[in-house]
Amino acid sequence: MKDETMGQEDAAQDAEACAEALESLDRISLDEIALDDSGIDVQDESEAEAQSDDQDAEDDGAAPTEDEAGHEESECEAGNQPESDTGEETVLLNSLPAEDSLTRELPGLGSAPAVDETIAMGDIPLPSVPSAREAEVRHRKMSPKRRNLMVAGVVAVALVAGGAGYAAWNGYQQEQVAAVAANAHTMMSVQIGVHAAGLDCSTGSKIPVQVNGQDSDGSSVSETLYVDEHGRGIKLLPGDYTLSIAASPIAADGTIYTVPTTKTQVTVKSDGQDLSAQATFKLKVPSADTVTDDQIDAAAKYAEEGGCSSAAAAKILQQAATARRDAAANAVSASEAQAARDADARHKATNLYQLDIPVEWYGKVETWQNGSTLCIYLAGDSDTPIVTLVAVRDGESFTPDEGDTVLGTANLGNGYTVYASGPVYPYVVPQTINGRTQNPVSTYPMDTAIELVELTTGNRYTYSQIKNVLVGKDGKADAATKLECDYLAQILLPSIKAQD
């Protein structure tokens, strides 16, 4: 029976020690980890004194009586039991009366049914939860060896946690290094700037871009990539490159562009990088008749190699470019031929001089000539001369016809001077329309009056301005005369040359 009781006591002590260890781990703080040397010394001294007293008792040789032995044995057994500062007695489960149990009424529930908190733990006693003061007292009573073991356990837990943190950080670093290495071998999409008026790569060909440089692996790169009208379509490994336009794209209508000769250096670092600030290319549209066969052939070659969806599509664009160039060249040729014919028609000659009718007058005037006299008059109305040219030998005088004014002269350098004379229409026409009679040559319908003013002033003033501003109501013709003289001196007189 005594052995059974001692076994129960040992089990109770083990259970309480476990509870204390758990409680200490929950409540331990950094200042509790530090060893209290003074407390240890005091406890060591107490144990030494106790051992000395026991030794003195043994030296006295006094043998304890039976009652004293039994009392000491009881005290020893009692000493093996943990003390409770609360005064509560630890009771073994198997020693409780049958009617008693661990079932109790929870505080604050009043008359509510009691909740059964009985825990089936066999013969192990239920330890009480120590208060903060109890935990502190027990901590001070704890042996140095036991306390050092607990501190070592806490440190071990911290080391394990720190090792786990280091492993996590090291894993993150390795992931970052792996990501950088992976990016160095990943194709990156980049965008450049391009300007090509009228180009739609969904119906025309894409723009070929020549790429030269070195990627992040140190490998040389030399290839042709293609971008759309927005500058998208290039994929490269990270690295340093030089970009240039390899050839013209071909628009759906056959437009060929002038290829810029500029080259630009860029650095590819990340996916989706916009390089338009460093690399922008402007493709201008030249006159279609100036496009050469070599330009068309180069554009068609790149269109077939990657700028179009198929070789057949590239061929169609090449034909469109050729047709557009040929049509423009034919139009230019036709225009030049017509200009030559017009120049011949505008060119007039007498036995002493020759001249060209001004372009502004061509088709609106006609001429007649008699010897060295040439008259330029309003088309379809020979009675309305605009200007009459007469060659006069140097030293001889010239008198214009009645109502005409000398508007300018041109010295031929061969002993003759050509005099240009005629009505001052910017003055005469407004006066005639108003019904005034200061030597009008004739009366004119309004459309004729407007045309005469335009021909003699080069449309620098409207009829209303001539009538209301230059002439006004005072009847003076000075301003109007100067206006016509200045205009003829610019467009007609410089073309009068001596006959070869």
Protein backbone atom coordinates (compact mmCIF):
# COMPACT_ATOMS: atom_id res chain seq x y z
CA MET A 1 0.00 0.00 0.00
CA LYS A 2 2.90 2.30 0.76
CA ASP A 3 4.45 1.63 -2.69
CA GLU A 4 1.15 2.44 -4.37
CA THR A 5 0.90 5.70 -2.46
CA MET A 6 4.45 6.67 -3.38
CA GLY A 7 3.75 5.89 -7.06
CA GLN A 8 0.75 8.15 -6.99
CA GLU A 9 2.80 10.88 -5.38
CA ASP A 10 5.52 10.55 -8.04
CA ALA A 11 2.93 10.75 -10.81
CA ALA A 12 1.39 13.85 -9.22
CA GLN A 13 4.81 15.48 -8.98
CA ASP A 14 5.57 14.69 -12.65
CA ALA A 15 2.24 16.12 -13.78
CA GLU A 16 2.76 19.28 -11.75
CA ALA A 17 6.31 19.64 -13.12
CA CYS A 18 4.94 19.42 -16.67
CA ALA A 19 2.35 22.08 -15.91
CA GLU A 20 4.99 24.32 -14.38
CA ALA A 21 7.25 23.91 -17.41
CA LEU A 22 4.43 24.84 -19.79
CA GLU A 23 3.42 27.77 -17.58
CA SER A 24 7.02 28.98 -17.42
CA LEU A 25 7.40 28.81 -21.23
CA ASP A 26 4.23 30.91 -21.63
CA ARG A 27 5.25 33.48 -19.05
CA ILE A 28 8.99 33.58 -19.44
CA SER A 29 10.49 36.90 -20.54
CA LEU A 30 13.93 38.08 -21.48
CA ASP A 31 14.69 39.35 -18.00
CA GLU A 32 13.71 35.91 -16.56
CA ILE A 33 16.13 34.15 -18.91
CA ALA A 34 19.09 35.81 -17.18
CA LEU A 35 20.29 33.63 -14.33
CA ASP A 36 19.83 35.05 -10.82
CA ASP A 37 23.23 34.22 -9.40
CA SER A 38 22.43 35.66 -6.04
CA GLY A 39 19.34 33.48 -5.68
CA ILE A 40 21.33 30.43 -6.68
CA ASP A 41 24.03 31.20 -4.13
CA VAL A 42 21.47 31.63 -1.34
CA GLN A 43 19.77 28.38 -2.24
CA ASP A 44 23.11 26.59 -2.41
CA GLU A 45 24.05 27.96 1.05
CA SER A 46 20.69 26.81 2.50
CA GLU A 47 21.22 23.33 1.12
CA ALA A 48 24.77 23.28 2.53
CA GLU A 49 23.55 24.34 6.00
CA ALA A 50 20.83 21.70 5.90
CA GLN A 51 23.38 19.04 5.04
CA SER A 52 25.65 20.28 7.88
CA ASP A 53 22.81 20.07 10.44
CA ASP A 54 22.00 16.53 9.35
CA GLN A 55 25.64 15.61 9.69
CA ASP A 56 25.73 17.08 13.23
CA ALA A 57 22.69 15.10 14.18
CA GLU A 58 24.28 11.90 13.00
CA ASP A 59 27.49 12.73 14.89
CA ASP A 60 25.55 13.08 18.12
CA GLY A 61 24.66 9.40 17.72
CA ALA A 62 21.16 9.95 19.03
CA ALA A 63 18.97 7.26 17.52
CA PRO A 64 15.40 8.33 16.89
CA THR A 65 12.63 6.61 18.73
CA GLU A 66 9.98 4.61 16.95
CA ASP A 67 7.51 7.45 17.29
CA GLU A 68 10.06 9.93 16.08
CA ALA A 69 10.97 7.65 13.19
CA GLY A 70 7.39 7.37 12.21
CA HIS A 71 6.95 11.11 12.57
CA GLU A 72 10.02 11.77 10.45
CA GLU A 73 8.81 9.34 7.85
CA SER A 74 5.51 11.15 7.76
CA GLU A 75 7.31 14.47 7.47
CA CYS A 76 9.50 13.09 4.71
CA GLU A 77 6.51 11.87 2.79
CA ALA A 78 4.81 15.17 3.37
CA GLY A 79 7.95 16.98 2.21
CA ASN A 80 7.84 15.10 -1.06
CA GLN A 81 4.42 16.57 -1.77
CA PRO A 82 4.41 19.99 -3.52
CA GLU A 83 3.29 22.81 -1.30
CA SER A 84 0.35 25.02 -2.32
CA ASP A 85 0.48 28.66 -1.32
CA THR A 86 -3.30 28.83 -1.57
CA GLY A 87 -3.71 26.33 1.19
CA GLU A 88 -5.69 23.98 -0.97
CA GLU A 89 -5.05 20.28 -0.51
CA THR A 90 -4.33 18.12 -3.52
CA VAL A 91 -6.78 15.24 -3.48
CA LEU A 92 -6.34 12.04 -5.44
CA LEU A 93 -9.21 11.15 -7.75
CA ASN A 94 -9.60 7.66 -6.33
CA SER A 95 -9.80 9.00 -2.77
CA LEU A 96 -12.93 11.11 -3.36
CA PRO A 97 -16.25 9.86 -2.03
CA ALA A 98 -18.52 8.23 -4.58
CA GLU A 99 -20.98 11.06 -4.42
CA ASP A 100 -18.29 13.67 -5.03
CA SER A 101 -16.92 14.47 -8.50
CA LEU A 102 -15.14 17.22 -10.38
CA THR A 103 -18.45 18.40 -11.73
CA ARG A 104 -19.06 21.97 -10.60
CA GLU A 105 -21.25 24.89 -11.44
CA LEU A 106 -19.60 27.45 -13.70
CA PRO A 107 -19.40 30.91 -12.13
CA GLY A 108 -21.86 33.51 -13.33
CA LEU A 109 -24.44 31.02 -14.66
CA GLY A 110 -26.77 31.27 -11.66
CA SER A 111 -29.20 28.40 -11.60
CA ALA A 112 -28.28 27.12 -15.02
CA PRO A 113 -27.60 23.41 -15.22
CA ALA A 114 -24.14 22.47 -14.10
CA VAL A 115 -21.65 21.61 -16.80
CA ASP A 116 -19.77 18.37 -16.30
CA GLU A 117 -16.08 19.15 -16.51
CA THR A 118 -14.94 15.73 -15.24
CA ILE A 119 -11.74 14.73 -16.99
CA ALA A 120 -10.97 11.04 -17.07
CA MET A 121 -7.33 11.00 -16.11
CA GLY A 122 -7.14 7.79 -14.08
CA ASP A 123 -5.16 8.20 -10.92
CA ILE A 124 -3.28 11.31 -12.08
CA PRO A 125 -4.20 14.29 -9.89
CA LEU A 126 -5.49 17.45 -11.56
CA PRO A 127 -2.89 20.19 -11.03
CA SER A 128 -4.03 23.63 -10.07
CA VAL A 129 -3.07 26.55 -12.33
CA PRO A 130 -0.52 28.70 -10.48
CA SER A 131 -0.97 32.43 -10.20
CA ALA A 132 1.68 34.93 -11.29
CA ARG A 133 2.99 35.10 -7.72
CA GLU A 134 3.08 31.34 -7.45
CA ALA A 135 4.95 31.09 -10.75
CA GLU A 136 7.51 33.61 -9.49
CA VAL A 137 7.95 31.73 -6.16
CA ARG A 138 8.30 28.42 -7.97
CA HIS A 139 10.78 29.98 -10.35
CA ARG A 140 12.94 31.08 -7.39
CA LYS A 141 12.63 27.64 -5.78
CA MET A 142 13.64 25.98 -9.04
CA SER A 143 17.06 24.34 -8.96
CA PRO A 144 19.81 25.92 -11.10
CA LYS A 145 20.14 22.77 -13.15
CA ARG A 146 16.43 22.66 -13.92
CA ARG A 147 16.30 26.37 -14.69
CA ASN A 148 19.33 26.13 -17.00
CA LEU A 149 17.65 23.28 -18.82
CA MET A 150 14.54 25.39 -19.35
CA VAL A 151 16.60 28.36 -20.57
CA ALA A 152 18.45 26.04 -22.92
CA GLY A 153 15.11 24.84 -24.23
CA VAL A 154 13.94 28.38 -24.92
CA VAL A 155 17.22 29.22 -26.64
CA ALA A 156 16.92 26.04 -28.70
CA VAL A 157 13.42 27.07 -29.80
CA ALA A 158 14.73 30.54 -30.75
CA LEU A 159 17.59 28.99 -32.71
CA VAL A 160 15.19 26.72 -34.55
CA ALA A 161 12.94 29.70 -35.38
CA GLY A 162 15.97 31.76 -36.48
CA GLY A 163 17.21 28.88 -38.62
CA ALA A 164 13.82 28.64 -40.26
CA GLY A 165 13.86 32.41 -40.95
CA TYR A 166 17.34 32.25 -42.43
CA ALA A 167 16.31 29.33 -44.62
CA ALA A 168 13.27 31.29 -45.84
CA TRP A 169 15.38 34.40 -46.62
CA ASN A 170 18.04 32.32 -48.33
CA GLY A 171 15.33 30.65 -50.40
CA TYR A 172 13.93 34.06 -51.39
CA GLN A 173 17.38 35.26 -52.43
CA GLN A 174 17.89 32.17 -54.52
CA GLU A 175 14.50 32.71 -56.16
CA GLN A 176 15.47 36.29 -57.03
CA VAL A 177 18.76 35.18 -58.54
CA ALA A 178 16.93 32.49 -60.50
CA ALA A 179 14.38 35.07 -61.71
CA VAL A 180 17.14 37.43 -62.91
CA ALA A 181 18.86 34.54 -64.66
CA ALA A 182 15.58 33.50 -66.27
CA ASN A 183 14.88 37.06 -67.47
CA ALA A 184 18.32 37.19 -69.05
CA HIS A 185 17.20 34.32 -71.27
CA THR A 186 13.63 35.52 -71.87
CA MET A 187 12.59 37.36 -75.04
CA MET A 188 11.39 40.88 -74.21
CA SER A 189 8.76 42.77 -76.24
CA VAL A 190 9.78 46.37 -76.94
CA GLN A 191 8.16 49.27 -78.81
CA ILE A 192 9.83 51.92 -80.97
CA GLY A 193 8.49 55.11 -82.54
CA VAL A 194 7.58 55.21 -86.23
CA HIS A 195 5.80 57.80 -88.38
CA ALA A 196 4.61 56.75 -91.84
CA ALA A 197 1.62 58.74 -93.13
CA GLY A 198 -1.16 56.58 -94.56
CA LEU A 199 0.44 53.25 -93.60
CA ASP A 200 -1.86 50.53 -92.26
CA CYS A 201 0.07 47.31 -91.80
CA SER A 202 -3.11 45.24 -91.71
CA THR A 203 -3.52 45.96 -95.45
CA GLY A 204 0.06 46.93 -96.36
CA SER A 205 3.42 45.47 -95.37
CA LYS A 206 5.20 45.93 -92.04
CA ILE A 207 8.30 48.06 -91.53
CA PRO A 208 11.56 46.07 -91.62
CA VAL A 209 13.94 47.04 -88.79
CA GLN A 210 17.59 45.98 -88.90
CA VAL A 211 18.87 44.97 -85.44
CA ASN A 212 22.57 44.63 -84.65
CA GLY A 213 24.23 44.28 -81.24
CA GLN A 214 24.96 41.93 -78.37
CA ASP A 215 22.58 40.20 -75.97
CA SER A 216 23.09 39.52 -72.24
CA ASP A 217 24.80 36.21 -73.01
CA GLY A 218 27.47 38.01 -74.99
CA SER A 219 26.19 36.59 -78.29
CA SER A 220 26.25 38.80 -81.39
CA VAL A 221 22.87 39.64 -82.92
CA SER A 222 22.20 40.60 -86.55
CA GLU A 223 18.65 40.13 -87.76
CA THR A 224 15.68 41.85 -89.37
CA LEU A 225 12.52 42.26 -87.31
CA TYR A 226 9.21 43.81 -88.36
CA VAL A 227 7.03 46.40 -86.64
CA ASP A 228 3.58 47.74 -87.41
CA GLU A 229 2.61 51.38 -87.85
CA HIS A 230 2.63 51.75 -84.04
CA GLY A 231 6.20 50.47 -83.67
CA ARG A 232 5.20 47.15 -82.07
CA GLY A 233 6.53 43.72 -83.00
CA ILE A 234 10.16 43.53 -81.83
CA LYS A 235 11.21 40.80 -79.36
CA LEU A 236 14.80 40.63 -78.10
CA LEU A 237 16.83 39.22 -75.23
CA PRO A 238 18.12 41.83 -72.77
CA GLY A 239 21.16 43.56 -74.25
CA ASP A 240 22.50 46.53 -76.22
CA TYR A 241 21.45 47.00 -79.84
CA THR A 242 21.60 49.39 -82.81
CA LEU A 243 18.36 49.85 -84.76
CA SER A 244 17.81 51.19 -88.29
CA ILE A 245 15.17 50.95 -91.04
CA ALA A 246 16.15 48.33 -93.62
CA ALA A 247 13.72 49.30 -96.41
CA SER A 248 10.42 50.98 -97.12
CA PRO A 249 7.14 49.27 -96.34
CA ILE A 250 4.45 49.27 -99.04
CA ALA A 251 1.06 50.79 -98.28
CA ALA A 252 -2.08 49.24 -99.72
CA ASP A 253 -2.26 51.94 -102.43
CA GLY A 254 1.34 51.27 -103.46
CA THR A 255 2.94 54.13 -101.57
CA ILE A 256 6.71 53.77 -101.16
CA TYR A 257 8.42 55.77 -98.40
CA THR A 258 11.80 57.45 -98.16
CA VAL A 259 13.96 55.35 -95.84
CA PRO A 260 15.67 57.39 -93.07
CA THR A 261 19.42 56.85 -92.82
CA THR A 262 19.56 57.43 -89.06
CA LYS A 263 20.66 54.71 -86.62
CA THR A 264 19.95 54.64 -82.92
CA GLN A 265 21.32 52.67 -79.96
CA VAL A 266 19.01 51.19 -77.31
CA THR A 267 19.27 48.98 -74.23
CA VAL A 268 16.63 46.30 -73.67
CA LYS A 269 16.03 45.69 -69.96
CA SER A 270 12.46 44.55 -69.38
CA ASP A 271 9.38 43.19 -71.12
CA GLY A 272 7.00 45.77 -72.56
CA GLN A 273 9.71 48.46 -72.62
CA ASP A 274 8.84 51.62 -74.59
CA LEU A 275 11.91 52.78 -76.53
CA SER A 276 10.13 55.44 -78.61
CA ALA A 277 11.94 58.21 -76.73
CA GLN A 278 15.31 56.81 -77.87
CA ALA A 279 14.34 55.27 -81.22
CA THR A 280 11.90 57.12 -83.48
CA PHE A 281 11.99 56.92 -87.27
CA LYS A 282 10.12 59.20 -89.70
CA LEU A 283 9.32 57.77 -93.12
CA LYS A 284 8.33 60.53 -95.56
CA VAL A 285 6.28 60.15 -98.73
CA PRO A 286 8.25 61.31 -101.80
CA SER A 287 6.73 62.34 -105.09
CA ALA A 288 5.48 59.11 -106.62
CA ASP A 289 7.15 59.77 -109.98
CA THR A 290 10.58 59.87 -108.30
CA VAL A 291 10.36 56.34 -106.88
CA THR A 292 12.87 54.01 -108.51
CA ASP A 293 12.66 50.34 -109.43
CA ASP A 294 15.38 49.57 -106.86
CA GLN A 295 13.29 51.07 -104.06
CA ILE A 296 10.24 49.06 -105.09
CA ASP A 297 12.26 45.82 -105.40
CA ALA A 298 13.85 46.27 -101.94
CA ALA A 299 10.48 46.96 -100.33
CA ALA A 300 8.96 43.91 -102.05
CA LYS A 301 11.87 41.69 -100.91
CA TYR A 302 11.40 42.52 -97.21
CA ALA A 303 7.61 42.33 -97.57
CA GLU A 304 7.95 38.77 -98.86
CA GLU A 305 10.49 37.74 -96.18
CA GLY A 306 8.40 38.81 -93.21
CA GLY A 307 6.50 42.02 -93.81
CA CYS A 308 3.46 40.28 -95.31
CA SER A 309 1.42 37.23 -94.48
CA SER A 310 2.47 35.52 -97.72
CA ALA A 311 4.59 35.90 -100.84
CA ALA A 312 1.42 36.35 -102.89
CA ALA A 313 0.35 39.33 -100.75
CA ALA A 314 3.81 40.87 -101.15
CA LYS A 315 3.58 40.46 -104.93
CA ILE A 316 0.26 42.30 -105.05
CA LEU A 317 1.73 45.21 -103.09
CA GLN A 318 4.74 45.33 -105.43
CA GLN A 319 2.43 45.58 -108.43
CA ALA A 320 0.47 48.36 -106.74
CA ALA A 321 3.69 50.30 -106.05
CA THR A 322 4.84 49.95 -109.66
CA ALA A 323 1.46 51.01 -111.03
CA ARG A 324 1.36 54.05 -108.74
CA ARG A 325 4.86 55.14 -109.75
CA ASP A 326 4.13 54.67 -113.47
CA ALA A 327 0.87 56.60 -113.28
CA ALA A 328 2.59 59.49 -111.51
CA ALA A 329 5.47 59.51 -113.99
CA ASN A 330 3.05 59.54 -116.91
CA ALA A 331 1.11 62.41 -115.37
CA VAL A 332 4.29 64.41 -114.93
CA SER A 333 5.34 63.73 -118.49
CA ALA A 334 1.97 64.81 -119.79
CA SER A 335 2.09 67.96 -117.70
CA GLU A 336 5.55 68.82 -118.95
CA ALA A 337 4.46 68.29 -122.54
CA GLN A 338 1.49 70.55 -122.05
CA ALA A 339 3.66 73.17 -120.40
CA ALA A 340 5.95 73.08 -123.41
CA ARG A 341 3.01 73.58 -125.72
CA ASP A 342 1.74 76.38 -123.58
CA ALA A 343 5.15 78.00 -123.56
CA ASP A 344 5.22 77.88 -127.32
CA ALA A 345 1.76 79.41 -127.40
CA ARG A 346 2.74 82.12 -124.97
CA HIS A 347 5.93 82.92 -126.82
CA LYS A 348 5.54 85.79 -129.27
CA ALA A 349 8.06 87.41 -131.62
CA THR A 350 8.40 90.38 -133.93
CA ASN A 351 11.22 91.36 -136.28
CA LEU A 352 12.97 93.29 -133.47
CA TYR A 353 12.03 91.61 -130.15
CA GLN A 354 10.38 88.58 -128.55
CA LEU A 355 8.50 87.97 -125.30
CA ASP A 356 6.36 85.51 -123.31
CA ILE A 357 2.77 86.22 -122.43
CA PRO A 358 2.50 86.06 -118.58
CA VAL A 359 1.19 82.74 -117.20
CA GLU A 360 -1.51 84.66 -115.36
CA TRP A 361 -2.76 85.98 -118.72
CA TYR A 362 -2.44 82.79 -120.70
CA GLY A 363 -5.79 81.63 -122.09
CA LYS A 364 -7.43 84.93 -121.23
CA VAL A 365 -5.77 87.12 -123.88
CA GLU A 366 -4.97 87.03 -127.57
CA THR A 367 -2.50 89.01 -129.73
CA TRP A 368 -2.10 90.68 -133.10
CA GLN A 369 1.07 92.14 -134.52
CA ASN A 370 2.17 94.45 -137.34
CA GLY A 371 5.90 94.73 -137.95
CA SER A 372 7.47 95.66 -134.62
CA THR A 373 4.11 96.46 -133.01
CA LEU A 374 2.41 93.80 -130.88
CA CYS A 375 -1.01 94.25 -129.25
CA ILE A 376 -2.27 92.06 -126.38
CA TYR A 377 -6.05 92.30 -126.01
CA LEU A 378 -8.89 90.64 -124.06
CA ALA A 379 -9.70 87.24 -125.53
CA GLY A 380 -12.61 87.50 -127.94
CA ASP A 381 -12.64 91.32 -127.90
CA SER A 382 -9.99 92.96 -130.06
CA ASP A 383 -11.48 96.37 -129.30
CA THR A 384 -10.37 96.03 -125.68
CA PRO A 385 -6.55 96.16 -125.72
CA ILE A 386 -4.75 95.55 -122.45
CA VAL A 387 -1.28 96.68 -123.52
CA THR A 388 0.35 97.66 -126.87
CA LEU A 389 4.09 97.20 -127.46
CA VAL A 390 5.92 99.48 -129.93
CA ALA A 391 9.67 99.42 -130.74
CA VAL A 392 11.16 102.92 -131.08
CA ARG A 393 14.69 103.75 -132.20
CA ASP A 394 16.76 105.24 -129.44
CA GLY A 395 16.59 109.06 -129.55
CA GLU A 396 13.14 109.16 -131.14
CA SER A 397 10.05 110.18 -129.19
CA PHE A 398 6.92 108.09 -128.58
CA THR A 399 3.33 109.29 -128.22
CA PRO A 400 0.70 106.75 -127.10
CA ASP A 401 -2.78 106.56 -128.58
CA GLU A 402 -5.50 108.79 -127.25
CA GLY A 403 -6.68 107.61 -123.86
CA ASP A 404 -3.62 105.46 -123.30
CA THR A 405 -0.79 105.94 -120.81
CA VAL A 406 2.83 104.81 -121.04
CA LEU A 407 2.98 101.92 -118.55
CA GLY A 408 6.68 101.05 -118.91
CA THR A 409 9.68 100.54 -121.22
CA ALA A 410 12.24 97.81 -122.04
CA ASN A 411 15.59 98.68 -123.68
CA LEU A 412 16.59 96.00 -126.18
CA GLY A 413 20.27 96.94 -126.28
CA ASN A 414 20.32 96.93 -130.05
CA GLY A 415 19.43 100.59 -130.56
CA TYR A 416 15.73 100.16 -129.84
CA THR A 417 13.42 100.62 -126.87
CA VAL A 418 10.04 98.98 -126.51
CA TYR A 419 7.28 101.16 -125.07
CA ALA A 420 4.29 99.55 -123.32
CA SER A 421 1.12 101.64 -123.30
CA GLY A 422 -2.61 101.18 -122.69
CA PRO A 423 -5.63 102.24 -120.65
CA VAL A 424 -5.27 102.45 -116.86
CA TYR A 425 -8.10 99.99 -116.24
CA PRO A 426 -7.99 100.19 -112.44
CA TYR A 427 -8.99 103.84 -112.93
CA VAL A 428 -10.95 103.85 -116.20
CA VAL A 429 -13.27 100.94 -115.42
CA PRO A 430 -14.63 102.25 -112.10
CA GLN A 431 -15.17 105.69 -113.66
CA THR A 432 -17.03 104.22 -116.61
CA ILE A 433 -19.26 102.00 -114.47
CA ASN A 434 -20.16 105.02 -112.39
CA GLY A 435 -21.26 106.84 -115.55
CA ARG A 436 -18.50 109.38 -115.48
CA THR A 437 -16.95 110.43 -118.80
CA GLN A 438 -13.31 111.33 -118.16
CA ASN A 439 -12.20 109.99 -121.58
CA PRO A 440 -13.53 106.45 -121.17
CA VAL A 441 -12.53 104.10 -123.93
CA SER A 442 -15.84 102.37 -123.81
CA THR A 443 -18.39 101.04 -121.38
CA TYR A 444 -18.01 97.53 -119.93
CA PRO A 445 -20.30 94.92 -118.48
CA MET A 446 -19.53 94.20 -114.83
CA ASP A 447 -17.90 90.78 -115.45
CA THR A 448 -15.63 92.33 -118.08
CA ALA A 449 -14.77 95.22 -115.80
CA ILE A 450 -13.80 92.81 -113.01
CA GLU A 451 -11.64 90.70 -115.35
CA LEU A 452 -9.81 93.75 -116.71
CA VAL A 453 -9.01 94.92 -113.19
CA GLU A 454 -7.74 91.43 -112.27
CA LEU A 455 -5.53 91.17 -115.37
CA THR A 456 -3.89 94.55 -114.87
CA THR A 457 -3.36 94.25 -111.11
CA GLY A 458 -2.68 90.56 -110.67
CA ASN A 459 -5.61 90.20 -108.25
CA ARG A 460 -3.77 92.12 -105.59
CA TYR A 461 -6.91 94.20 -105.09
CA THR A 462 -10.58 93.48 -105.65
CA TYR A 463 -12.73 95.60 -107.90
CA SER A 464 -14.45 97.14 -104.87
CA GLN A 465 -11.10 98.15 -103.38
CA ILE A 466 -10.01 99.68 -106.68
CA LYS A 467 -13.23 101.63 -106.96
CA ASN A 468 -13.64 102.81 -103.36
CA VAL A 469 -10.06 103.10 -102.10
CA LEU A 470 -7.54 103.59 -104.90
CA VAL A 471 -9.69 105.82 -107.08
CA GLY A 472 -12.31 107.14 -104.72
CA LYS A 473 -14.47 110.09 -105.68
CA ASP A 474 -11.81 112.63 -106.48
CA GLY A 475 -11.19 111.24 -109.97
CA LYS A 476 -7.41 111.08 -109.56
CA ALA A 477 -5.70 108.16 -111.31
CA ASP A 478 -2.24 108.32 -109.73
CA ALA A 479 -2.69 105.40 -107.34
CA ALA A 480 -4.40 103.23 -109.94
CA THR A 481 -1.75 104.03 -112.57
CA LYS A 482 1.07 103.14 -110.23
CA LEU A 483 -0.59 99.88 -109.35
CA GLU A 484 -0.84 98.79 -112.98
CA CYS A 485 2.64 100.00 -113.87
CA ASP A 486 4.20 98.10 -111.01
CA TYR A 487 2.43 94.89 -111.97
CA LEU A 488 3.41 95.04 -115.65
CA ALA A 489 6.99 95.78 -114.65
CA GLN A 490 6.98 92.48 -112.75
CA ILE A 491 5.23 90.05 -115.12
CA LEU A 492 5.65 91.37 -118.69
CA LEU A 493 8.52 93.76 -119.25
CA PRO A 494 11.29 91.42 -117.94
CA SER A 495 10.45 88.87 -120.68
CA ILE A 496 10.98 91.36 -123.58
CA LYS A 497 14.28 90.58 -125.25
CA ALA A 498 15.95 91.58 -128.54
CA GLN A 499 15.35 89.17 -131.41
CA ASP A 500 18.27 86.88 -132.16
